[in-house]
């Protein structure tokens, strides 16, 4: 494996490709072994052999590079979420609105800060969650109407807001809150993550009794959302992590 990796590295340093004999000289790997490893690397798609006999990097290397970038982005975003969880003692969520659906892509929680019990599908209950309300606020009015045509607001708790007018025209605030609208005893706050290409939100959930401290929660939540927004901007959007 070490020798195969050395060959890959040597090929990557030659922009126009290079021959087996040159690779053998550069790496110190015996020529018969070099030929054997090159054939295997070509077969697996990590190298491509040109008509003139030179070897260049194959498509599989590009796929590994793309995957590595995505994992690196996911790691950086998750680190921000872990720090926020520990700072606020709250479960943390990252969600997008994609192709007409609410999609929760990552959750960071712990035994001390458990995630909300998703007894009802988030895709169908955007009207009752801070996550959903924040994502819908990033849509046009017509797009929100379309969403509620597909998912009519339903009473989930005595505190759930179901009037279409109230849902269509608000809220439009830096931080969106729901208090026991989705689940009794649980509150949630969400902040938009700007510049992500699709409506994106960072959210936290916690016992509703802590909602009186929401002012102290809002600032670190927005700060974390802005940090993730900068990370996405550098990487080219949240899709880079997928």
Protein backbone atom coordinates (compact mmCIF):
# COMPACT_ATOMS: atom_id res chain seq x y z
CA UNK A 1 0.00 0.00 0.00
CA UNK A 2 2.84 2.38 0.84
CA UNK A 3 4.44 1.78 -2.54
CA UNK A 4 1.14 2.34 -4.38
CA UNK A 5 0.67 5.62 -2.54
CA UNK A 6 4.21 6.69 -3.40
CA UNK A 7 3.44 6.06 -7.06
CA UNK A 8 0.24 8.11 -6.85
CA UNK A 9 2.14 10.98 -5.25
CA UNK A 10 4.83 10.81 -7.93
CA UNK A 11 2.24 10.87 -10.72
CA UNK A 12 0.50 13.85 -9.12
CA UNK A 13 3.74 15.84 -9.31
CA UNK A 14 3.94 15.41 -13.11
CA UNK A 15 1.32 17.66 -14.72
CA UNK A 16 1.72 16.05 -18.16
CA UNK A 17 1.91 12.47 -16.92
CA UNK A 18 4.95 10.22 -16.62
CA UNK A 19 6.14 6.75 -17.61
CA UNK A 20 6.55 3.61 -15.57
CA UNK A 21 10.33 3.71 -15.96
CA UNK A 22 10.51 7.28 -14.72
CA UNK A 23 8.27 6.40 -11.77
CA UNK A 24 10.47 3.45 -10.92
CA UNK A 25 13.56 5.67 -10.89
CA UNK A 26 11.91 8.41 -8.85
CA UNK A 27 10.43 6.15 -6.20
CA UNK A 28 13.12 3.49 -6.03
CA UNK A 29 10.50 0.78 -6.58
CA UNK A 30 11.66 -2.10 -8.76
CA UNK A 31 10.36 -1.81 -12.33
CA UNK A 32 8.42 -5.13 -12.32
CA UNK A 33 6.71 -4.10 -9.07
CA UNK A 34 6.04 -0.64 -10.51
CA UNK A 35 4.32 -2.15 -13.55
CA UNK A 36 2.24 -4.45 -11.34
CA UNK A 37 1.11 -1.62 -9.05
CA UNK A 38 0.38 0.69 -11.99
CA UNK A 39 -1.84 -1.94 -13.63
CA UNK A 40 -3.78 -2.31 -10.37
CA UNK A 41 -4.14 1.45 -9.93
CA UNK A 42 -5.38 1.82 -13.51
CA UNK A 43 -7.85 -1.03 -13.04
CA UNK A 44 -9.25 0.62 -9.90
CA UNK A 45 -9.56 4.03 -11.56
CA UNK A 46 -6.89 5.83 -9.53
CA UNK A 47 -4.63 6.20 -12.58
CA UNK A 48 -5.24 6.43 -16.31
CA UNK A 49 -2.80 5.21 -18.95
CA UNK A 50 -2.52 7.45 -22.00
CA UNK A 51 -1.94 6.26 -25.58
CA UNK A 52 1.73 7.28 -25.37
CA UNK A 53 2.24 5.09 -22.29
CA UNK A 54 2.29 7.91 -19.74
CA UNK A 55 0.25 7.67 -16.54
CA UNK A 56 -1.96 10.45 -15.15
CA UNK A 57 -4.31 10.63 -12.18
CA UNK A 58 -7.67 8.94 -12.73
CA UNK A 59 -11.22 9.99 -11.93
CA UNK A 60 -11.26 8.04 -8.68
CA UNK A 61 -8.65 10.41 -7.22
CA UNK A 62 -10.90 13.36 -8.02
CA UNK A 63 -13.79 11.62 -6.28
CA UNK A 64 -11.63 11.07 -3.21
CA UNK A 65 -10.63 14.73 -3.26
CA UNK A 66 -14.27 15.81 -3.45
CA UNK A 67 -15.20 13.47 -0.62
CA UNK A 68 -12.30 14.73 1.50
CA UNK A 69 -13.40 18.34 0.99
CA UNK A 70 -16.94 17.43 1.98
CA UNK A 71 -15.80 15.59 5.09
CA UNK A 72 -13.54 18.48 6.03
CA UNK A 73 -16.42 20.93 5.68
CA UNK A 74 -18.73 18.67 7.67
CA UNK A 75 -16.11 18.41 10.41
CA UNK A 76 -15.71 22.19 10.65
CA UNK A 77 -19.46 22.77 10.78
CA UNK A 78 -19.94 20.04 13.34
CA UNK A 79 -17.20 21.55 15.50
CA UNK A 80 -19.16 24.81 15.63
CA UNK A 81 -22.29 22.87 16.56
CA UNK A 82 -20.49 20.97 19.34
CA UNK A 83 -19.17 24.21 20.81
CA UNK A 84 -22.67 25.71 20.72
CA UNK A 85 -24.19 22.63 22.38
CA UNK A 86 -21.65 22.80 25.20
CA UNK A 87 -22.01 26.55 25.64
CA UNK A 88 -25.81 26.58 25.83
CA UNK A 89 -26.53 23.06 27.14
CA UNK A 90 -28.91 22.54 24.23
CA UNK A 91 -29.24 20.09 21.35
CA UNK A 92 -28.17 21.68 18.06
CA UNK A 93 -29.60 21.13 14.57
CA UNK A 94 -28.60 22.07 11.04
CA UNK A 95 -31.37 22.03 8.45
CA UNK A 96 -32.02 23.05 4.83
CA UNK A 97 -35.09 23.64 2.70
CA UNK A 98 -34.42 21.71 -0.48
CA UNK A 99 -36.77 20.81 -3.33
CA UNK A 100 -39.80 21.80 -1.31
CA UNK A 101 -38.89 19.86 1.83
CA UNK A 102 -37.47 20.54 5.28
CA UNK A 103 -34.34 18.41 5.62
CA UNK A 104 -32.46 18.11 8.92
CA UNK A 105 -28.92 17.20 7.90
CA UNK A 106 -27.12 17.05 11.24
CA UNK A 107 -27.91 16.92 14.96
CA UNK A 108 -25.45 17.35 17.81
CA UNK A 109 -26.80 16.28 21.19
CA UNK A 110 -25.73 14.36 24.27
CA UNK A 111 -27.31 12.49 27.20
CA UNK A 112 -27.45 15.82 29.07
CA UNK A 113 -28.88 17.66 26.06
CA UNK A 114 -31.13 15.17 24.24
CA UNK A 115 -32.66 15.97 20.88
CA UNK A 116 -36.35 16.65 20.66
CA UNK A 117 -38.54 13.58 20.30
CA UNK A 118 -39.49 13.72 16.60
CA UNK A 119 -42.89 12.17 17.06
CA UNK A 120 -44.18 14.03 13.98
CA UNK A 121 -42.24 14.36 10.72
CA UNK A 122 -40.42 17.72 10.49
CA UNK A 123 -41.29 17.86 6.78
CA UNK A 124 -44.98 18.03 7.64
CA UNK A 125 -44.72 20.27 10.71
CA UNK A 126 -42.70 23.28 9.56
CA UNK A 127 -45.47 25.53 10.85
CA UNK A 128 -44.87 24.33 14.41
CA UNK A 129 -41.08 24.33 14.69
CA UNK A 130 -38.55 27.14 14.86
CA UNK A 131 -36.53 25.19 12.29
CA UNK A 132 -39.40 25.13 9.83
CA UNK A 133 -40.47 28.72 10.43
CA UNK A 134 -36.93 29.97 9.94
CA UNK A 135 -36.53 28.03 6.70
CA UNK A 136 -39.90 29.17 5.38
CA UNK A 137 -38.97 32.78 6.11
CA UNK A 138 -36.28 32.39 3.44
CA UNK A 139 -38.91 31.64 0.79
CA UNK A 140 -41.16 33.94 -1.19
CA UNK A 141 -44.77 34.33 -0.10
CA UNK A 142 -45.93 32.19 -3.01
CA UNK A 143 -43.46 29.47 -2.09
CA UNK A 144 -44.74 29.49 1.48
CA UNK A 145 -48.30 29.22 0.22
CA UNK A 146 -47.27 26.27 -1.91
CA UNK A 147 -45.67 24.60 1.11
CA UNK A 148 -48.83 24.96 3.19
CA UNK A 149 -50.96 23.72 0.30
CA UNK A 150 -48.92 20.52 0.44
CA UNK A 151 -48.67 20.41 4.23
CA UNK A 152 -51.74 22.06 5.79
CA UNK A 153 -50.95 23.30 9.33
CA UNK A 154 -52.31 20.93 11.97
CA UNK A 155 -52.75 21.30 15.72
CA UNK A 156 -49.91 19.43 17.41
CA UNK A 157 -50.28 20.98 20.86
CA UNK A 158 -52.62 23.57 22.36
CA UNK A 159 -49.97 26.19 21.51
CA UNK A 160 -49.56 25.37 17.82
CA UNK A 161 -50.22 28.27 15.45
CA UNK A 162 -52.27 27.10 12.47
CA UNK A 163 -53.70 30.30 10.93
CA UNK A 164 -52.29 30.51 7.41
CA UNK A 165 -52.26 34.32 7.49
CA UNK A 166 -50.06 34.37 10.60
CA UNK A 167 -47.72 31.80 9.12
CA UNK A 168 -47.43 33.36 5.68
CA UNK A 169 -46.65 36.89 6.89
CA UNK A 170 -44.17 36.11 9.64
CA UNK A 171 -41.95 35.84 11.45
CA UNK A 172 -39.07 37.85 9.99
CA UNK A 173 -36.62 38.18 12.88
CA UNK A 174 -32.93 37.40 13.41
CA UNK A 175 -33.97 34.52 15.67
CA UNK A 176 -37.19 32.50 15.39
CA UNK A 177 -38.68 30.81 18.44
CA UNK A 178 -41.32 28.20 19.09
CA UNK A 179 -42.51 27.50 22.60
CA UNK A 180 -44.20 24.10 23.00
CA UNK A 181 -45.80 24.41 19.55
CA UNK A 182 -44.32 21.12 18.36
CA UNK A 183 -43.85 19.29 21.64
CA UNK A 184 -45.09 20.16 25.12
CA UNK A 185 -42.24 20.97 27.45
CA UNK A 186 -39.81 21.81 24.64
CA UNK A 187 -38.79 25.13 23.13
CA UNK A 188 -36.67 25.74 20.06
CA UNK A 189 -34.78 28.68 18.59
CA UNK A 190 -33.44 29.00 15.04
CA UNK A 191 -31.27 31.48 13.18
CA UNK A 192 -30.79 31.68 9.41
CA UNK A 193 -27.47 30.69 7.87
CA UNK A 194 -27.04 33.18 5.04
CA UNK A 195 -25.33 32.66 1.71
CA UNK A 196 -25.82 28.90 1.70
CA UNK A 197 -27.54 28.75 -1.69
CA UNK A 198 -30.72 27.25 -0.21
CA UNK A 199 -32.61 28.35 2.92
CA UNK A 200 -30.54 27.01 5.81
CA UNK A 201 -30.90 27.30 9.56
CA UNK A 202 -29.01 26.52 12.73
CA UNK A 203 -31.30 25.71 15.64
CA UNK A 204 -31.28 24.64 19.28
CA UNK A 205 -33.85 22.86 21.44
CA UNK A 206 -34.11 22.92 25.21
CA UNK A 207 -36.66 22.59 28.02
CA UNK A 208 -39.36 25.24 27.67
CA UNK A 209 -38.77 26.42 31.24
CA UNK A 210 -35.44 27.87 30.06
CA UNK A 211 -37.09 30.08 27.45
CA UNK A 212 -36.90 33.09 29.76
CA UNK A 213 -33.15 32.98 29.13
CA UNK A 214 -33.67 33.27 25.38
CA UNK A 215 -31.95 36.64 25.22
CA UNK A 216 -28.70 35.02 26.32
CA UNK A 217 -29.24 32.16 23.83
CA UNK A 218 -29.88 34.37 20.80
CA UNK A 219 -26.49 36.04 20.50
CA UNK A 220 -24.34 32.86 20.56
CA UNK A 221 -26.82 31.15 18.21
CA UNK A 222 -26.53 33.96 15.66
CA UNK A 223 -22.75 34.04 16.06
CA UNK A 224 -22.52 30.30 15.38
CA UNK A 225 -24.87 30.62 12.37
CA UNK A 226 -22.66 33.37 10.95
CA UNK A 227 -19.55 31.23 11.46
CA UNK A 228 -21.16 28.34 9.57
CA UNK A 229 -22.24 30.77 6.83
CA UNK A 230 -18.60 31.84 6.37
CA UNK A 231 -17.53 28.19 6.23
CA UNK A 232 -20.11 27.44 3.53
CA UNK A 233 -19.11 30.54 1.57
CA UNK A 234 -15.49 29.40 1.38
CA UNK A 235 -16.45 25.83 0.44
CA UNK A 236 -19.08 26.77 -2.14
CA UNK A 237 -22.27 25.96 -0.19
CA UNK A 238 -23.61 23.19 2.06
CA UNK A 239 -23.81 20.74 -0.88
CA UNK A 240 -20.00 20.48 -0.68
CA UNK A 241 -20.43 18.48 2.50
CA UNK A 242 -22.72 15.89 0.91
